[in-house]
Amino acid sequence: MIDLTPLDVRKKKGDFRKGIRGYEVPEVDGFLDMVAERMEELVRENTQLREKEAHLSELLDNFRGREQAMNEALVGAQQLRAEIRSQTERDSELMLREAKAEGERLVNAARGEVEQLREELRRVQTQRDRFLRGYRNFLEGQLGEVALEEERVVRSRAGELDSELNEPGDD
């Protein structure tokens, strides 16, 4: 295909040979002017369309770049979410293990304290039992002495009464 410009069409005026029964020169020249004008319009329109296409291609490239960046950001966010979830699970498992260990330590400490308190209670009960036995023995001893003292008093009074009864002559 031959590249034909509006200038080429305008220069063609007068290049046609004139024949006996040829075309009317003014009509051909008018048609060539009209063709050249239409070609100029088409060239301008084609230039505008190419510029618009270049601009749209640039916009499309920008949008594709943004889309790629958004996809990368989305993938990054998904990876970050997965990492955060994984880290959170690890942290919660660690906290659970630590809490269980602390709970076991506290339970063991409480059991130790309970055992110490039981031992202290046994010791105190043993001391109380010893005290009560000792106090009972003391009281029984005191009661024995009181009984002896009462018996002495009774004998002493009985002896006085006997002597009063046996004394002659006060009547």
N, C-alpha and C. Protein backbone atom coordinates (compact mmCIF):
# COMPACT_ATOMS: atom_id res chain seq x y z
N MET A 1 0.84 -1.17 0.00
CA MET A 1 0.00 0.00 0.00
C MET A 1 0.89 1.24 0.00
N ILE A 2 0.49 2.22 -0.76
CA ILE A 2 1.26 3.45 -0.90
C ILE A 2 0.78 4.43 0.15
N ASP A 3 1.75 5.09 0.85
CA ASP A 3 1.38 6.14 1.79
C ASP A 3 1.04 7.38 0.98
N LEU A 4 -0.15 7.86 1.19
CA LEU A 4 -0.62 9.01 0.45
C LEU A 4 -1.00 10.08 1.45
N THR A 5 -0.42 11.28 1.27
CA THR A 5 -0.71 12.36 2.18
C THR A 5 -1.62 13.37 1.49
N PRO A 6 -2.25 14.27 2.26
CA PRO A 6 -3.08 15.30 1.62
C PRO A 6 -2.25 16.19 0.68
N LEU A 7 -0.98 16.40 1.02
CA LEU A 7 -0.12 17.21 0.16
C LEU A 7 0.09 16.52 -1.19
N ASP A 8 0.25 15.18 -1.13
CA ASP A 8 0.40 14.43 -2.39
C ASP A 8 -0.83 14.62 -3.27
N VAL A 9 -2.01 14.62 -2.68
CA VAL A 9 -3.24 14.80 -3.44
C VAL A 9 -3.29 16.21 -4.02
N ARG A 10 -2.92 17.22 -3.21
CA ARG A 10 -2.95 18.61 -3.70
C ARG A 10 -1.94 18.80 -4.83
N LYS A 11 -0.80 18.16 -4.78
CA LYS A 11 0.22 18.31 -5.82
C LYS A 11 -0.20 17.62 -7.11
N LYS A 12 -1.11 16.71 -7.00
CA LYS A 12 -1.52 15.94 -8.17
C LYS A 12 -2.33 16.80 -9.14
N LYS A 13 -2.81 17.93 -8.67
CA LYS A 13 -3.59 18.82 -9.53
C LYS A 13 -2.73 19.21 -10.72
N GLY A 14 -3.29 19.10 -11.83
CA GLY A 14 -2.61 19.51 -13.04
C GLY A 14 -1.69 18.45 -13.61
N ASP A 15 -1.53 17.34 -12.90
CA ASP A 15 -0.67 16.28 -13.39
C ASP A 15 -1.42 15.34 -14.33
N PHE A 16 -2.73 15.45 -14.31
CA PHE A 16 -3.51 14.53 -15.14
C PHE A 16 -3.45 15.03 -16.59
N ARG A 17 -3.36 14.11 -17.50
CA ARG A 17 -3.34 14.49 -18.92
C ARG A 17 -4.75 14.85 -19.38
N LYS A 18 -4.78 15.73 -20.24
CA LYS A 18 -6.08 16.16 -20.73
C LYS A 18 -6.37 15.40 -22.01
N GLY A 19 -7.52 14.85 -22.03
CA GLY A 19 -7.90 14.12 -23.23
C GLY A 19 -9.08 14.78 -23.90
N ILE A 20 -9.44 14.32 -25.04
CA ILE A 20 -10.53 14.90 -25.80
C ILE A 20 -11.84 14.74 -25.02
N ARG A 21 -12.02 13.65 -24.57
CA ARG A 21 -13.25 13.42 -23.83
C ARG A 21 -12.92 13.16 -22.37
N GLY A 22 -12.04 13.90 -21.84
CA GLY A 22 -11.59 13.70 -20.48
C GLY A 22 -12.54 14.33 -19.47
N TYR A 23 -12.11 14.24 -18.25
CA TYR A 23 -12.91 14.78 -17.14
C TYR A 23 -12.80 16.30 -17.14
N GLU A 24 -13.75 16.90 -16.47
CA GLU A 24 -13.73 18.33 -16.34
C GLU A 24 -12.67 18.68 -15.30
N VAL A 25 -11.74 19.51 -15.65
CA VAL A 25 -10.63 19.86 -14.79
C VAL A 25 -11.11 20.52 -13.50
N PRO A 26 -12.02 21.50 -13.53
CA PRO A 26 -12.45 22.09 -12.27
C PRO A 26 -13.13 21.08 -11.35
N GLU A 27 -13.88 20.17 -11.93
CA GLU A 27 -14.52 19.16 -11.10
C GLU A 27 -13.50 18.23 -10.48
N VAL A 28 -12.52 17.82 -11.25
CA VAL A 28 -11.47 16.94 -10.72
C VAL A 28 -10.69 17.69 -9.65
N ASP A 29 -10.33 18.96 -9.92
CA ASP A 29 -9.59 19.74 -8.92
C ASP A 29 -10.43 19.92 -7.65
N GLY A 30 -11.72 20.18 -7.79
CA GLY A 30 -12.61 20.33 -6.63
C GLY A 30 -12.68 19.03 -5.84
N PHE A 31 -12.79 17.92 -6.59
CA PHE A 31 -12.84 16.62 -5.91
C PHE A 31 -11.53 16.34 -5.19
N LEU A 32 -10.41 16.68 -5.84
CA LEU A 32 -9.10 16.47 -5.20
C LEU A 32 -8.98 17.33 -3.94
N ASP A 33 -9.49 18.58 -3.99
CA ASP A 33 -9.46 19.43 -2.79
C ASP A 33 -10.28 18.80 -1.68
N MET A 34 -11.48 18.29 -2.07
CA MET A 34 -12.33 17.67 -1.07
C MET A 34 -11.65 16.41 -0.50
N VAL A 35 -11.02 15.63 -1.34
CA VAL A 35 -10.31 14.44 -0.86
C VAL A 35 -9.16 14.84 0.06
N ALA A 36 -8.43 15.88 -0.31
CA ALA A 36 -7.30 16.33 0.50
C ALA A 36 -7.80 16.82 1.86
N GLU A 37 -8.91 17.57 1.89
CA GLU A 37 -9.45 18.04 3.17
C GLU A 37 -9.89 16.86 4.06
N ARG A 38 -10.58 15.92 3.39
CA ARG A 38 -11.04 14.76 4.17
C ARG A 38 -9.84 13.96 4.69
N MET A 39 -8.81 13.85 3.89
CA MET A 39 -7.60 13.15 4.32
C MET A 39 -6.96 13.89 5.50
N GLU A 40 -6.95 15.26 5.42
CA GLU A 40 -6.39 16.03 6.53
C GLU A 40 -7.19 15.77 7.81
N GLU A 41 -8.53 15.73 7.69
CA GLU A 41 -9.38 15.44 8.85
C GLU A 41 -9.07 14.04 9.39
N LEU A 42 -8.94 13.10 8.48
CA LEU A 42 -8.67 11.73 8.90
C LEU A 42 -7.29 11.61 9.55
N VAL A 43 -6.31 12.33 9.04
CA VAL A 43 -4.97 12.32 9.62
C VAL A 43 -5.02 12.90 11.02
N ARG A 44 -5.74 14.11 11.13
CA ARG A 44 -5.87 14.71 12.46
C ARG A 44 -6.59 13.76 13.42
N GLU A 45 -7.68 13.17 12.94
CA GLU A 45 -8.44 12.24 13.78
C GLU A 45 -7.58 11.02 14.15
N ASN A 46 -6.83 10.54 13.19
CA ASN A 46 -5.94 9.39 13.45
C ASN A 46 -4.87 9.76 14.47
N THR A 47 -4.32 10.99 14.36
CA THR A 47 -3.31 11.46 15.31
C THR A 47 -3.92 11.56 16.71
N GLN A 48 -5.13 12.14 16.76
CA GLN A 48 -5.81 12.25 18.06
C GLN A 48 -6.09 10.87 18.66
N LEU A 49 -6.54 9.96 17.81
CA LEU A 49 -6.83 8.61 18.29
C LEU A 49 -5.55 7.92 18.77
N ARG A 50 -4.46 8.13 18.07
CA ARG A 50 -3.19 7.53 18.52
C ARG A 50 -2.75 8.13 19.86
N GLU A 51 -2.92 9.47 19.99
CA GLU A 51 -2.57 10.11 21.27
C GLU A 51 -3.48 9.57 22.38
N LYS A 52 -4.78 9.47 22.06
CA LYS A 52 -5.72 8.95 23.05
C LYS A 52 -5.38 7.50 23.40
N GLU A 53 -5.03 6.73 22.38
CA GLU A 53 -4.65 5.32 22.61
C GLU A 53 -3.39 5.25 23.46
N ALA A 54 -2.43 6.13 23.21
CA ALA A 54 -1.20 6.16 24.01
C ALA A 54 -1.54 6.53 25.46
N HIS A 55 -2.41 7.54 25.61
CA HIS A 55 -2.82 7.96 26.95
C HIS A 55 -3.56 6.82 27.66
N LEU A 56 -4.48 6.17 26.95
CA LEU A 56 -5.23 5.06 27.54
C LEU A 56 -4.31 3.88 27.86
N SER A 57 -3.33 3.65 26.99
CA SER A 57 -2.35 2.58 27.26
C SER A 57 -1.55 2.90 28.52
N GLU A 58 -1.19 4.19 28.64
CA GLU A 58 -0.46 4.61 29.84
C GLU A 58 -1.33 4.42 31.09
N LEU A 59 -2.60 4.84 30.99
CA LEU A 59 -3.52 4.64 32.11
C LEU A 59 -3.69 3.16 32.42
N LEU A 60 -3.83 2.36 31.38
CA LEU A 60 -3.98 0.92 31.57
C LEU A 60 -2.74 0.34 32.25
N ASP A 61 -1.56 0.79 31.82
CA ASP A 61 -0.33 0.33 32.46
C ASP A 61 -0.30 0.74 33.93
N ASN A 62 -0.74 1.99 34.19
CA ASN A 62 -0.80 2.45 35.58
C ASN A 62 -1.76 1.59 36.40
N PHE A 63 -2.94 1.33 35.80
CA PHE A 63 -3.93 0.50 36.51
C PHE A 63 -3.40 -0.92 36.71
N ARG A 64 -2.71 -1.43 35.72
CA ARG A 64 -2.13 -2.77 35.88
C ARG A 64 -1.05 -2.77 36.97
N GLY A 65 -0.27 -1.69 36.99
CA GLY A 65 0.74 -1.57 38.05
C GLY A 65 0.08 -1.48 39.42
N ARG A 66 -0.99 -0.68 39.50
CA ARG A 66 -1.72 -0.58 40.77
C ARG A 66 -2.34 -1.93 41.15
N GLU A 67 -2.90 -2.59 40.14
CA GLU A 67 -3.50 -3.90 40.40
C GLU A 67 -2.43 -4.87 40.91
N GLN A 68 -1.27 -4.84 40.28
CA GLN A 68 -0.17 -5.71 40.71
C GLN A 68 0.24 -5.35 42.14
N ALA A 69 0.35 -4.04 42.41
CA ALA A 69 0.72 -3.61 43.77
C ALA A 69 -0.35 -4.03 44.77
N MET A 70 -1.62 -3.89 44.39
CA MET A 70 -2.69 -4.31 45.30
C MET A 70 -2.67 -5.81 45.53
N ASN A 71 -2.41 -6.56 44.45
CA ASN A 71 -2.32 -8.02 44.61
C ASN A 71 -1.16 -8.39 45.52
N GLU A 72 -0.03 -7.72 45.34
CA GLU A 72 1.13 -7.99 46.19
C GLU A 72 0.82 -7.60 47.64
N ALA A 73 0.14 -6.46 47.81
CA ALA A 73 -0.23 -6.03 49.16
C ALA A 73 -1.21 -7.02 49.78
N LEU A 74 -2.14 -7.51 48.98
CA LEU A 74 -3.11 -8.49 49.48
C LEU A 74 -2.40 -9.78 49.89
N VAL A 75 -1.50 -10.24 49.03
CA VAL A 75 -0.74 -11.45 49.37
C VAL A 75 0.09 -11.21 50.62
N GLY A 76 0.72 -10.03 50.69
CA GLY A 76 1.50 -9.70 51.88
C GLY A 76 0.63 -9.66 53.13
N ALA A 77 -0.56 -9.06 53.00
CA ALA A 77 -1.47 -8.99 54.14
C ALA A 77 -1.93 -10.39 54.55
N GLN A 78 -2.19 -11.24 53.57
CA GLN A 78 -2.59 -12.62 53.89
C GLN A 78 -1.45 -13.36 54.58
N GLN A 79 -0.24 -13.16 54.09
CA GLN A 79 0.91 -13.80 54.74
C GLN A 79 1.10 -13.26 56.15
N LEU A 80 0.94 -11.94 56.31
CA LEU A 80 1.08 -11.33 57.62
C LEU A 80 -0.01 -11.86 58.56
N ARG A 81 -1.23 -11.97 58.05
CA ARG A 81 -2.32 -12.51 58.86
C ARG A 81 -2.00 -13.94 59.30
N ALA A 82 -1.48 -14.74 58.36
CA ALA A 82 -1.13 -16.12 58.70
C ALA A 82 0.00 -16.14 59.73
N GLU A 83 0.98 -15.27 59.57
CA GLU A 83 2.08 -15.21 60.53
C GLU A 83 1.58 -14.76 61.89
N ILE A 84 0.70 -13.75 61.90
CA ILE A 84 0.15 -13.26 63.17
C ILE A 84 -0.66 -14.35 63.84
N ARG A 85 -1.48 -15.04 63.06
CA ARG A 85 -2.29 -16.13 63.62
C ARG A 85 -1.37 -17.21 64.20
N SER A 86 -0.34 -17.57 63.44
CA SER A 86 0.59 -18.59 63.90
C SER A 86 1.30 -18.14 65.17
N GLN A 87 1.76 -16.88 65.18
CA GLN A 87 2.45 -16.34 66.36
C GLN A 87 1.50 -16.29 67.55
N THR A 88 0.25 -15.91 67.29
CA THR A 88 -0.74 -15.84 68.36
C THR A 88 -1.00 -17.23 68.93
N GLU A 89 -1.09 -18.23 68.05
CA GLU A 89 -1.28 -19.60 68.53
C GLU A 89 -0.09 -20.05 69.36
N ARG A 90 1.12 -19.74 68.88
CA ARG A 90 2.31 -20.12 69.65
C ARG A 90 2.33 -19.41 71.00
N ASP A 91 2.00 -18.11 70.97
CA ASP A 91 1.97 -17.34 72.23
C ASP A 91 0.93 -17.89 73.19
N SER A 92 -0.25 -18.21 72.66
CA SER A 92 -1.30 -18.72 73.54
C SER A 92 -0.92 -20.10 74.10
N GLU A 93 -0.29 -20.94 73.27
CA GLU A 93 0.16 -22.24 73.77
C GLU A 93 1.22 -22.06 74.85
N LEU A 94 2.12 -21.13 74.63
CA LEU A 94 3.16 -20.86 75.63
C LEU A 94 2.53 -20.35 76.91
N MET A 95 1.59 -19.40 76.78
CA MET A 95 0.93 -18.86 77.97
C MET A 95 0.16 -19.95 78.70
N LEU A 96 -0.46 -20.85 77.95
CA LEU A 96 -1.21 -21.94 78.56
C LEU A 96 -0.26 -22.87 79.31
N ARG A 97 0.88 -23.21 78.69
CA ARG A 97 1.86 -24.06 79.36
C ARG A 97 2.39 -23.38 80.62
N GLU A 98 2.68 -22.09 80.51
CA GLU A 98 3.18 -21.36 81.68
C GLU A 98 2.12 -21.31 82.77
N ALA A 99 0.86 -21.08 82.37
CA ALA A 99 -0.22 -21.03 83.36
C ALA A 99 -0.40 -22.39 84.03
N LYS A 100 -0.32 -23.46 83.23
CA LYS A 100 -0.44 -24.80 83.81
C LYS A 100 0.71 -25.06 84.78
N ALA A 101 1.92 -24.69 84.37
CA ALA A 101 3.08 -24.89 85.25
C ALA A 101 2.92 -24.08 86.53
N GLU A 102 2.47 -22.84 86.39
CA GLU A 102 2.26 -21.99 87.57
C GLU A 102 1.17 -22.58 88.44
N GLY A 103 0.10 -23.08 87.80
CA GLY A 103 -0.98 -23.70 88.55
C GLY A 103 -0.49 -24.93 89.30
N GLU A 104 0.31 -25.75 88.64
CA GLU A 104 0.86 -26.93 89.31
C GLU A 104 1.76 -26.52 90.46
N ARG A 105 2.56 -25.47 90.23
CA ARG A 105 3.44 -25.00 91.29
C ARG A 105 2.62 -24.52 92.49
N LEU A 106 1.56 -23.75 92.20
CA LEU A 106 0.71 -23.25 93.28
C LEU A 106 0.00 -24.39 94.01
N VAL A 107 -0.48 -25.38 93.24
CA VAL A 107 -1.15 -26.53 93.86
C VAL A 107 -0.16 -27.30 94.73
N ASN A 108 1.04 -27.50 94.20
CA ASN A 108 2.06 -28.21 95.00
C ASN A 108 2.43 -27.41 96.25
N ALA A 109 2.55 -26.10 96.09
CA ALA A 109 2.86 -25.27 97.26
C ALA A 109 1.72 -25.34 98.27
N ALA A 110 0.49 -25.30 97.77
CA ALA A 110 -0.67 -25.38 98.67
C ALA A 110 -0.70 -26.74 99.37
N ARG A 111 -0.40 -27.79 98.62
CA ARG A 111 -0.36 -29.12 99.23
C ARG A 111 0.72 -29.17 100.32
N GLY A 112 1.86 -28.59 100.02
CA GLY A 112 2.94 -28.54 101.01
C GLY A 112 2.50 -27.79 102.26
N GLU A 113 1.83 -26.66 102.05
CA GLU A 113 1.34 -25.88 103.19
C GLU A 113 0.30 -26.67 103.98
N VAL A 114 -0.58 -27.36 103.25
CA VAL A 114 -1.60 -28.18 103.92
C VAL A 114 -0.92 -29.25 104.75
N GLU A 115 0.10 -29.89 104.17
CA GLU A 115 0.82 -30.94 104.91
C GLU A 115 1.52 -30.36 106.13
N GLN A 116 2.11 -29.17 105.97
CA GLN A 116 2.75 -28.52 107.12
C GLN A 116 1.72 -28.20 108.20
N LEU A 117 0.57 -27.69 107.77
CA LEU A 117 -0.49 -27.36 108.73
C LEU A 117 -1.02 -28.62 109.43
N ARG A 118 -1.14 -29.70 108.66
CA ARG A 118 -1.57 -30.95 109.30
C ARG A 118 -0.55 -31.41 110.33
N GLU A 119 0.71 -31.32 109.94
CA GLU A 119 1.77 -31.73 110.88
C GLU A 119 1.75 -30.83 112.10
N GLU A 120 1.56 -29.53 111.90
CA GLU A 120 1.48 -28.59 113.02
C GLU A 120 0.27 -28.92 113.89
N LEU A 121 -0.87 -29.25 113.23
CA LEU A 121 -2.07 -29.63 113.97
C LEU A 121 -1.82 -30.89 114.80
N ARG A 122 -1.15 -31.89 114.20
CA ARG A 122 -0.82 -33.11 114.94
C ARG A 122 0.05 -32.79 116.15
N ARG A 123 1.04 -31.93 115.92
CA ARG A 123 1.94 -31.55 117.01
C ARG A 123 1.17 -30.83 118.12
N VAL A 124 0.30 -29.89 117.72
CA VAL A 124 -0.49 -29.15 118.71
C VAL A 124 -1.44 -30.11 119.43
N GLN A 125 -2.06 -31.04 118.71
CA GLN A 125 -2.96 -32.00 119.34
C GLN A 125 -2.19 -32.89 120.32
N THR A 126 -0.98 -33.28 119.91
CA THR A 126 -0.15 -34.09 120.82
C THR A 126 0.19 -33.29 122.07
N GLN A 127 0.57 -32.03 121.91
CA GLN A 127 0.86 -31.18 123.06
C GLN A 127 -0.38 -31.01 123.93
N ARG A 128 -1.53 -30.80 123.30
CA ARG A 128 -2.77 -30.65 124.06
C ARG A 128 -3.08 -31.92 124.85
N ASP A 129 -2.92 -33.08 124.15
CA ASP A 129 -3.17 -34.35 124.84
C ASP A 129 -2.22 -34.51 126.03
N ARG A 130 -0.93 -34.18 125.83
CA ARG A 130 0.03 -34.27 126.94
C ARG A 130 -0.37 -33.33 128.08
N PHE A 131 -0.75 -32.10 127.70
CA PHE A 131 -1.16 -31.13 128.71
C PHE A 131 -2.37 -31.65 129.48
N LEU A 132 -3.38 -32.16 128.72
CA LEU A 132 -4.59 -32.64 129.38
C LEU A 132 -4.27 -33.83 130.31
N ARG A 133 -3.40 -34.74 129.83
CA ARG A 133 -3.02 -35.85 130.70
C ARG A 133 -2.30 -35.35 131.94
N GLY A 134 -1.39 -34.44 131.74
CA GLY A 134 -0.65 -33.86 132.87
C GLY A 134 -1.59 -33.12 133.82
N TYR A 135 -2.49 -32.35 133.25
CA TYR A 135 -3.43 -31.59 134.07
C TYR A 135 -4.35 -32.54 134.82
N ARG A 136 -4.79 -33.60 134.10
CA ARG A 136 -5.64 -34.59 134.76
C ARG A 136 -4.88 -35.25 135.92
N ASN A 137 -3.62 -35.63 135.66
CA ASN A 137 -2.80 -36.24 136.71
C ASN A 137 -2.64 -35.27 137.88
N PHE A 138 -2.39 -34.01 137.54
CA PHE A 138 -2.26 -32.99 138.58
C PHE A 138 -3.54 -32.91 139.39
N LEU A 139 -4.68 -32.79 138.64
CA LEU A 139 -5.97 -32.67 139.32
C LEU A 139 -6.28 -33.92 140.16
N GLU A 140 -5.98 -35.09 139.59
CA GLU A 140 -6.22 -36.31 140.35
C GLU A 140 -5.35 -36.32 141.60
N GLY A 141 -4.10 -35.88 141.49
CA GLY A 141 -3.22 -35.79 142.65
C GLY A 141 -3.78 -34.84 143.68
N GLN A 142 -4.25 -33.69 143.18
CA GLN A 142 -4.83 -32.70 144.09
C GLN A 142 -6.09 -33.26 144.75
N LEU A 143 -6.90 -33.96 143.95
CA LEU A 143 -8.10 -34.56 144.52
C LEU A 143 -7.73 -35.62 145.57
N GLY A 144 -6.67 -36.36 145.30
CA GLY A 144 -6.20 -37.35 146.27
C GLY A 144 -5.77 -36.66 147.55
N GLU A 145 -5.04 -35.56 147.42
CA GLU A 145 -4.61 -34.83 148.60
C GLU A 145 -5.79 -34.24 149.34
N VAL A 146 -6.78 -33.73 148.58
CA VAL A 146 -7.98 -33.18 149.20
C VAL A 146 -8.70 -34.30 149.95
N ALA A 147 -8.79 -35.47 149.33
CA ALA A 147 -9.45 -36.61 149.98
C ALA A 147 -8.70 -36.98 151.25
N LEU A 148 -7.37 -36.99 151.21
CA LEU A 148 -6.58 -37.32 152.40
C LEU A 148 -6.80 -36.27 153.48
N GLU A 149 -6.82 -35.00 153.02
CA GLU A 149 -7.03 -33.92 153.98
C GLU A 149 -8.41 -34.04 154.60
N GLU A 150 -9.39 -34.34 153.80
CA GLU A 150 -10.74 -34.52 154.33
C GLU A 150 -10.77 -35.69 155.31
N GLU A 151 -10.08 -36.75 154.94
CA GLU A 151 -10.03 -37.93 155.82
C GLU A 151 -9.34 -37.57 157.13
N ARG A 152 -8.28 -36.81 157.11
CA ARG A 152 -7.59 -36.38 158.32
C ARG A 152 -8.51 -35.53 159.17
N VAL A 153 -9.22 -34.60 158.48
CA VAL A 153 -10.12 -33.73 159.20
C VAL A 153 -11.20 -34.57 159.85
N VAL A 154 -11.74 -35.51 159.09
CA VAL A 154 -12.79 -36.36 159.65
C VAL A 154 -12.21 -37.14 160.82
N ARG A 155 -11.02 -37.70 160.72
CA ARG A 155 -10.41 -38.46 161.83
C ARG A 155 -10.12 -37.55 162.99
N SER A 156 -9.64 -36.39 162.67
CA SER A 156 -9.32 -35.47 163.74
C SER A 156 -10.60 -35.09 164.48
N ARG A 157 -11.66 -34.82 163.82
CA ARG A 157 -12.91 -34.49 164.48
C ARG A 157 -13.45 -35.71 165.22
N ALA A 158 -13.27 -36.85 164.59
CA ALA A 158 -13.73 -38.07 165.26
C ALA A 158 -12.92 -38.27 166.52
N GLY A 159 -11.65 -37.99 166.48
CA GLY A 159 -10.80 -38.14 167.66
C GLY A 159 -11.21 -37.13 168.73
N GLU A 160 -11.54 -35.93 168.34
CA GLU A 160 -11.96 -34.92 169.29
C GLU A 160 -13.28 -35.32 169.90
N LEU A 161 -14.15 -35.83 169.08
CA LEU A 161 -15.44 -36.25 169.58
C LEU A 161 -15.27 -37.43 170.54
N ASP A 162 -14.39 -38.32 170.23
CA ASP A 162 -14.12 -39.47 171.10
C ASP A 162 -13.56 -38.95 172.41
N SER A 163 -12.66 -38.01 172.31
CA SER A 163 -12.09 -37.55 173.56
C SER A 163 -13.12 -36.76 174.35
N GLU A 164 -13.95 -36.06 173.74
CA GLU A 164 -14.98 -35.36 174.47
C GLU A 164 -15.94 -36.35 175.09
N LEU A 165 -16.21 -37.35 174.40
CA LEU A 165 -17.13 -38.36 174.92
C LEU A 165 -16.45 -39.14 176.03
N ASN A 166 -15.24 -39.31 176.00
CA ASN A 166 -14.51 -40.11 177.00
C ASN A 166 -14.05 -39.25 178.16
N GLU A 167 -14.14 -38.06 178.18
CA GLU A 167 -13.68 -37.25 179.29
C GLU A 167 -14.74 -37.28 180.37
N PRO A 168 -14.32 -37.54 181.52
CA PRO A 168 -15.30 -37.62 182.58
C PRO A 168 -15.49 -36.27 183.22
N GLY A 169 -16.48 -36.06 183.47
CA GLY A 169 -16.82 -35.10 184.40
C GLY A 169 -17.15 -33.74 183.92
N ASP A 170 -17.30 -33.41 182.94
CA ASP A 170 -17.69 -32.05 182.62
C ASP A 170 -19.19 -31.92 182.66
N ASP A 171 -19.84 -32.76 182.90
CA ASP A 171 -21.27 -32.66 182.84
C ASP A 171 -21.78 -31.91 183.92
